[in-house]
Amino acid sequence: MHKADRLFQLVNLIGVHQPITAERLAEHLGVSVRSIYRYIDELSLSGVPVYGTTGVGYALAADVELPPLHLSRIELDALALGMELLATSADPEMAGVARMLLSKVSATLPA
C-alpha cells in the first residue's frame, strides 16, 4: 500500500472512530505505533486538523470535510464486480442495496 493511501485511510479511521488511540490505528493499518506518530505529524504539517490527547487518542476538528474520493480504474472495476456478485448472490434486501450502491457510484463517474 502506498503511503498516500495509508494517510487517507488514517484520516478516515480517525473520523469514524474518534477518539482512537495510536495503538488501534496501528492495528488497523498494519504498521507500528511509531509509524502512526510520523503519519500524524505529516498530516498536521499538511494542514489536516488532527488533535491528540494523551491517554484518549486522536480526533479531527468538528468541521473537517474530506475531498471527494478518487478511485483508480481497477478499484472501480473491483467495486463494480463486488456489487454485481452481491446483487446476484445475496438475500433480496442486500441485493437491492448492492444495486443501489452501484447505480450511485456509476452516476458520479465521468463518461
Protein backbone atom coordinates (compact mmCIF):
# COMPACT_ATOMS: atom_id res chain seq x y z
CA MET A 1 0.00 0.00 0.00
CA HIS A 2 1.29 3.45 -0.89
CA LYS A 3 1.96 5.97 1.84
CA ALA A 4 -0.68 8.35 0.47
CA ASP A 5 -3.25 5.54 0.73
CA ARG A 6 -2.28 4.89 4.35
CA LEU A 7 -2.57 8.60 5.18
CA PHE A 8 -6.02 8.73 3.58
CA GLN A 9 -7.08 5.61 5.49
CA LEU A 10 -5.69 7.11 8.68
CA VAL A 11 -7.82 10.24 8.32
CA ASN A 12 -10.88 8.11 7.56
CA LEU A 13 -10.27 5.86 10.57
CA ILE A 14 -9.84 8.82 12.89
CA GLY A 15 -13.01 10.42 11.52
CA VAL A 16 -15.10 7.30 12.01
CA HIS A 17 -13.69 6.08 15.34
CA GLN A 18 -12.70 9.28 17.11
CA PRO A 19 -11.17 9.38 19.55
CA ILE A 20 -8.94 6.47 18.61
CA THR A 21 -5.57 5.53 20.04
CA ALA A 22 -2.34 5.18 18.08
CA GLU A 23 -2.28 1.50 19.04
CA ARG A 24 -5.69 0.84 17.46
CA LEU A 25 -4.74 2.84 14.38
CA ALA A 26 -1.54 0.81 14.05
CA GLU A 27 -3.53 -2.44 14.28
CA HIS A 28 -5.99 -1.29 11.60
CA LEU A 29 -3.26 -0.22 9.20
CA GLY A 30 -0.77 -2.99 9.96
CA VAL A 31 2.04 -0.60 10.86
CA SER A 32 3.94 0.28 14.02
CA VAL A 33 2.77 2.84 16.56
CA ARG A 34 5.89 4.85 15.69
CA SER A 35 4.69 4.99 12.07
CA ILE A 36 1.33 6.31 13.26
CA TYR A 37 3.13 9.10 15.15
CA ARG A 38 5.05 10.01 11.97
CA TYR A 39 1.89 9.93 9.86
CA ILE A 40 0.04 12.15 12.35
CA ASP A 41 2.94 14.63 12.22
CA GLU A 42 2.78 14.63 8.41
CA LEU A 43 -0.97 15.16 8.41
CA SER A 44 -0.65 18.04 10.87
CA LEU A 45 2.09 19.68 8.81
CA SER A 46 -0.03 19.38 5.68
CA GLY A 47 -2.93 21.19 7.34
CA VAL A 48 -5.19 18.33 8.42
CA PRO A 49 -6.58 19.35 11.85
CA VAL A 50 -5.75 16.16 13.79
CA TYR A 51 -5.69 16.56 17.55
CA GLY A 52 -4.26 14.12 20.07
CA THR A 53 -4.98 13.87 23.76
CA THR A 54 -2.70 11.76 25.91
CA GLY A 55 -4.50 8.68 27.16
CA VAL A 56 -7.55 9.36 24.99
CA GLY A 57 -6.44 9.24 21.37
CA TYR A 58 -6.70 11.21 18.15
CA ALA A 59 -9.65 13.15 16.78
CA LEU A 60 -10.39 15.51 13.92
CA ALA A 61 -11.77 19.01 14.22
CA ALA A 62 -15.56 19.00 14.01
CA ASP A 63 -15.66 20.93 10.73
CA VAL A 64 -13.28 18.69 8.75
CA GLU A 65 -14.56 17.81 5.31
CA LEU A 66 -12.60 15.37 3.17
CA PRO A 67 -12.16 15.95 -0.55
CA PRO A 68 -14.10 13.70 -2.93
CA LEU A 69 -12.85 10.15 -3.19
CA HIS A 70 -10.95 9.37 -6.38
CA LEU A 71 -10.79 5.71 -7.33
CA SER A 72 -8.50 4.21 -9.93
CA ARG A 73 -9.98 2.30 -12.85
CA ILE A 74 -9.06 -1.05 -11.29
CA GLU A 75 -10.58 -0.02 -7.93
CA LEU A 76 -13.80 0.93 -9.71
CA ASP A 77 -13.79 -2.39 -11.56
CA ALA A 78 -13.31 -4.27 -8.28
CA LEU A 79 -16.14 -2.33 -6.65
CA ALA A 80 -18.47 -2.97 -9.58
CA LEU A 81 -17.63 -6.68 -9.64
CA GLY A 82 -18.20 -6.99 -5.91
CA MET A 83 -21.56 -5.24 -6.10
CA GLU A 84 -22.62 -7.38 -9.08
CA LEU A 85 -21.71 -10.56 -7.19
CA LEU A 86 -23.56 -9.36 -4.12
CA ALA A 87 -26.59 -8.40 -6.20
CA THR A 88 -26.83 -11.92 -7.61
CA SER A 89 -25.99 -13.98 -4.53
CA ALA A 90 -27.35 -12.12 -1.51
CA ASP A 91 -30.79 -12.02 0.05
CA PRO A 92 -33.21 -9.70 -1.77
CA GLU A 93 -32.72 -6.76 0.60
CA MET A 94 -28.91 -6.83 0.37
CA ALA A 95 -29.08 -7.40 -3.39
CA GLY A 96 -31.19 -4.24 -3.71
CA VAL A 97 -28.73 -2.28 -1.61
CA ALA A 98 -25.85 -3.51 -3.79
CA ARG A 99 -27.65 -2.43 -6.97
CA MET A 100 -28.44 0.98 -5.46
CA LEU A 101 -24.81 1.49 -4.41
CA LEU A 102 -23.61 0.53 -7.86
CA SER A 103 -26.03 2.97 -9.50
CA LYS A 104 -24.95 5.80 -7.15
CA VAL A 105 -21.27 5.21 -7.90
CA SER A 106 -21.95 4.89 -11.63
CA ALA A 107 -23.86 8.18 -11.65
CA THR A 108 -20.84 10.07 -10.32
CA LEU A 109 -18.37 8.75 -12.89
CA PRO A 110 -17.30 10.77 -15.90
CA ALA A 111 -18.43 9.44 -19.26
